[in-house]
Amino acid sequence: MIFRIIFGMLILVALFTGSFEVAAFNTVIFLVTLLLPYLARYDDEYKLLDEALMVMFSLAVLVSMFFNWEYVFFIGIDTAFHLAGGFFVGWFAAIFFKKQRTNMYILAVLCTALVIGVGWEVFEWVFSWMPDIISVPFDPQGIHDSIKDLVADMLGACALVLWKCRHKLFK
């Protein structure tokens, strides 16, 4: 819960320092993930997932407030966030589909990460067409960037599957 409070405070800092697009985007993330603490009542793995996501999104807010986005793309933080995103989406899917047989379970985790990744790339593409008056932190750099992002998403989901298999966490 402390990480959720820190994430909320960082959103407020972004708002009050003039990073309106950062605050607006992360407020949506904050609201969408409010379901996780509720689900944590039934499965402790949701609590761990919620805390890990709040740390990741807090780092994303800090990076987007203090660095120029061209610098972020240059040093590869964009790819690191896609790797982490694939891992966390896979983790959520792994919790959701845990009653499936092992093969279907792995396929569901990987397909969920791919679908969410493609959805994110469409989201970036739509925002790239917004007028210049709306400042958005997305600068898709063509099909090569999208493919790189999708590969990173899938590698993150594969890392989760390998971690779960290594620790025999699949049923």
Protein backbone atom coordinates (compact mmCIF):
# COMPACT_ATOMS: atom_id res chain seq x y z
CA MET A 1 0.00 0.00 0.00
CA ILE A 2 2.93 2.34 0.69
CA PHE A 3 4.05 2.06 -2.95
CA ARG A 4 0.57 3.01 -4.14
CA ILE A 5 0.71 6.11 -1.91
CA ILE A 6 4.16 7.03 -3.26
CA PHE A 7 2.90 6.59 -6.83
CA GLY A 8 -0.09 8.84 -6.08
CA MET A 9 2.18 11.48 -4.57
CA LEU A 10 4.45 11.40 -7.62
CA ILE A 11 1.41 11.94 -9.84
CA LEU A 12 0.54 15.02 -7.76
CA VAL A 13 4.12 16.29 -8.04
CA ALA A 14 3.94 15.85 -11.81
CA LEU A 15 0.66 17.77 -11.88
CA PHE A 16 1.95 20.65 -9.78
CA THR A 17 5.23 20.92 -11.71
CA GLY A 18 3.42 21.32 -15.01
CA SER A 19 3.83 17.81 -16.41
CA PHE A 20 0.12 17.55 -17.15
CA GLU A 21 0.39 14.76 -19.71
CA VAL A 22 2.46 12.65 -17.30
CA ALA A 23 -0.05 13.26 -14.50
CA ALA A 24 -3.07 12.52 -16.71
CA PHE A 25 -1.66 9.32 -18.19
CA ASN A 26 -0.48 7.94 -14.85
CA THR A 27 -3.76 8.85 -13.15
CA VAL A 28 -5.48 6.54 -15.62
CA ILE A 29 -2.98 3.80 -14.75
CA PHE A 30 -3.54 4.43 -11.04
CA LEU A 31 -7.31 4.11 -11.44
CA VAL A 32 -7.14 1.02 -13.67
CA THR A 33 -4.89 -0.78 -11.17
CA LEU A 34 -7.15 -0.01 -8.21
CA LEU A 35 -8.67 -3.44 -8.74
CA LEU A 36 -5.46 -5.16 -7.61
CA PRO A 37 -5.67 -4.30 -3.88
CA TYR A 38 -9.23 -5.61 -3.89
CA LEU A 39 -8.14 -8.86 -5.55
CA ALA A 40 -5.29 -9.16 -3.03
CA ARG A 41 -7.88 -10.10 -0.42
CA TYR A 42 -8.38 -13.39 -2.28
CA ASP A 43 -4.87 -14.14 -3.54
CA ASP A 44 -1.62 -12.83 -2.03
CA GLU A 45 0.06 -12.87 -5.42
CA TYR A 46 -2.07 -9.87 -6.44
CA LYS A 47 -0.60 -7.88 -3.54
CA LEU A 48 2.93 -8.59 -4.71
CA LEU A 49 1.96 -7.73 -8.29
CA ASP A 50 0.38 -4.45 -7.16
CA GLU A 51 3.48 -3.43 -5.22
CA ALA A 52 5.81 -4.30 -8.09
CA LEU A 53 3.66 -2.35 -10.57
CA MET A 54 3.54 0.69 -8.32
CA VAL A 55 7.35 0.69 -8.07
CA MET A 56 7.68 0.38 -11.86
CA PHE A 57 5.17 3.14 -12.59
CA SER A 58 6.74 5.38 -9.93
CA LEU A 59 10.06 4.99 -11.73
CA ALA A 60 8.33 5.77 -15.03
CA VAL A 61 6.88 8.99 -13.57
CA LEU A 62 10.30 10.04 -12.27
CA VAL A 63 11.98 9.29 -15.59
CA SER A 64 9.34 11.17 -17.58
CA MET A 65 9.50 14.20 -15.27
CA PHE A 66 13.28 14.59 -15.18
CA PHE A 67 14.50 13.41 -18.58
CA ASN A 68 13.83 14.50 -22.12
CA TRP A 69 12.01 11.75 -24.03
CA GLU A 70 14.63 11.65 -26.78
CA TYR A 71 17.18 10.81 -24.08
CA VAL A 72 14.89 8.10 -22.70
CA PHE A 73 14.66 6.44 -26.12
CA PHE A 74 18.42 6.84 -26.68
CA ILE A 75 19.50 5.07 -23.48
CA GLY A 76 16.94 2.29 -23.91
CA ILE A 77 14.64 2.93 -20.98
CA ASP A 78 11.73 2.52 -23.39
CA THR A 79 12.80 -1.06 -24.10
CA ALA A 80 13.34 -1.76 -20.39
CA PHE A 81 9.80 -0.61 -19.66
CA HIS A 82 8.46 -2.87 -22.42
CA LEU A 83 10.37 -5.83 -20.96
CA ALA A 84 8.95 -5.07 -17.53
CA GLY A 85 5.50 -4.48 -19.01
CA GLY A 86 5.53 -7.89 -20.71
CA PHE A 87 6.63 -9.49 -17.45
CA PHE A 88 3.88 -7.79 -15.41
CA VAL A 89 1.12 -8.38 -17.96
CA GLY A 90 2.23 -12.01 -18.09
CA TRP A 91 2.16 -12.14 -14.30
CA PHE A 92 -1.39 -10.82 -14.19
CA ALA A 93 -2.42 -13.31 -16.88
CA ALA A 94 -0.66 -16.11 -14.98
CA ILE A 95 -2.73 -15.35 -11.90
CA PHE A 96 -5.91 -15.06 -13.94
CA PHE A 97 -5.42 -18.29 -15.92
CA LYS A 98 -3.82 -20.39 -13.16
CA LYS A 99 -6.51 -23.09 -13.25
CA GLN A 100 -5.71 -24.02 -16.87
CA ARG A 101 -3.56 -26.95 -17.97
CA THR A 102 0.14 -26.12 -18.24
CA ASN A 103 0.29 -25.82 -22.05
CA MET A 104 -2.86 -23.68 -22.24
CA TYR A 105 -1.63 -21.67 -19.28
CA ILE A 106 1.65 -20.79 -20.97
CA LEU A 107 -0.11 -20.01 -24.26
CA ALA A 108 -2.64 -17.78 -22.46
CA VAL A 109 0.13 -15.87 -20.68
CA LEU A 110 2.09 -15.27 -23.89
CA CYS A 111 -1.00 -14.37 -25.96
CA THR A 112 -2.22 -11.93 -23.31
CA ALA A 113 1.16 -10.17 -23.31
CA LEU A 114 1.11 -10.01 -27.12
CA VAL A 115 -2.44 -8.63 -27.30
CA ILE A 116 -1.75 -5.97 -24.68
CA GLY A 117 1.52 -5.09 -26.44
CA VAL A 118 -0.21 -4.67 -29.80
CA GLY A 119 -2.89 -2.57 -28.10
CA TRP A 120 -0.22 -0.35 -26.61
CA GLU A 121 1.45 0.14 -29.98
CA VAL A 122 -1.91 1.14 -31.49
CA PHE A 123 -2.35 3.54 -28.57
CA GLU A 124 1.08 5.10 -29.30
CA TRP A 125 0.26 5.37 -32.99
CA VAL A 126 -3.09 7.09 -32.33
CA PHE A 127 -1.43 9.57 -29.97
CA SER A 128 1.27 10.32 -32.53
CA TRP A 129 -1.47 11.79 -34.74
CA MET A 130 -2.67 14.23 -32.07
CA PRO A 131 -2.22 17.92 -32.82
CA ASP A 132 0.93 19.59 -31.51
CA ILE A 133 -1.12 21.53 -29.00
CA ILE A 134 -1.57 18.29 -27.05
CA SER A 135 1.82 17.32 -25.70
CA VAL A 136 2.12 13.57 -25.36
CA PRO A 137 5.21 11.62 -24.33
CA PHE A 138 4.85 9.11 -27.17
CA ASP A 139 7.05 9.37 -30.19
CA PRO A 140 6.69 6.16 -32.15
CA GLN A 141 9.58 5.90 -34.52
CA GLY A 142 8.03 3.67 -37.12
CA ILE A 143 7.50 -0.02 -37.64
CA HIS A 144 11.00 -0.92 -36.42
CA ASP A 145 10.32 0.66 -33.03
CA SER A 146 6.97 -1.13 -32.78
CA ILE A 147 8.51 -4.50 -33.63
CA LYS A 148 11.31 -3.91 -31.11
CA ASP A 149 8.71 -3.02 -28.45
CA LEU A 150 6.62 -6.13 -29.20
CA VAL A 151 9.70 -8.35 -29.05
CA ALA A 152 10.58 -6.78 -25.68
CA ASP A 153 7.01 -7.39 -24.45
CA MET A 154 7.21 -11.04 -25.47
CA LEU A 155 10.68 -11.48 -23.94
CA GLY A 156 9.30 -10.11 -20.66
CA ALA A 157 6.40 -12.59 -20.78
CA CYS A 158 8.80 -15.42 -21.69
CA ALA A 159 10.99 -14.47 -18.72
CA LEU A 160 7.94 -14.83 -16.47
CA VAL A 161 7.08 -18.23 -17.97
CA LEU A 162 10.68 -19.44 -17.52
CA TRP A 163 10.72 -18.13 -13.93
CA LYS A 164 7.42 -19.87 -13.14
CA CYS A 165 8.60 -23.12 -14.77
CA ARG A 166 11.96 -22.98 -12.99
CA HIS A 167 10.27 -22.62 -9.63
CA LYS A 168 7.53 -25.10 -10.56
CA LEU A 169 4.89 -22.48 -9.96
CA PHE A 170 2.62 -23.80 -12.72
CA LYS A 171 -0.04 -26.24 -11.59
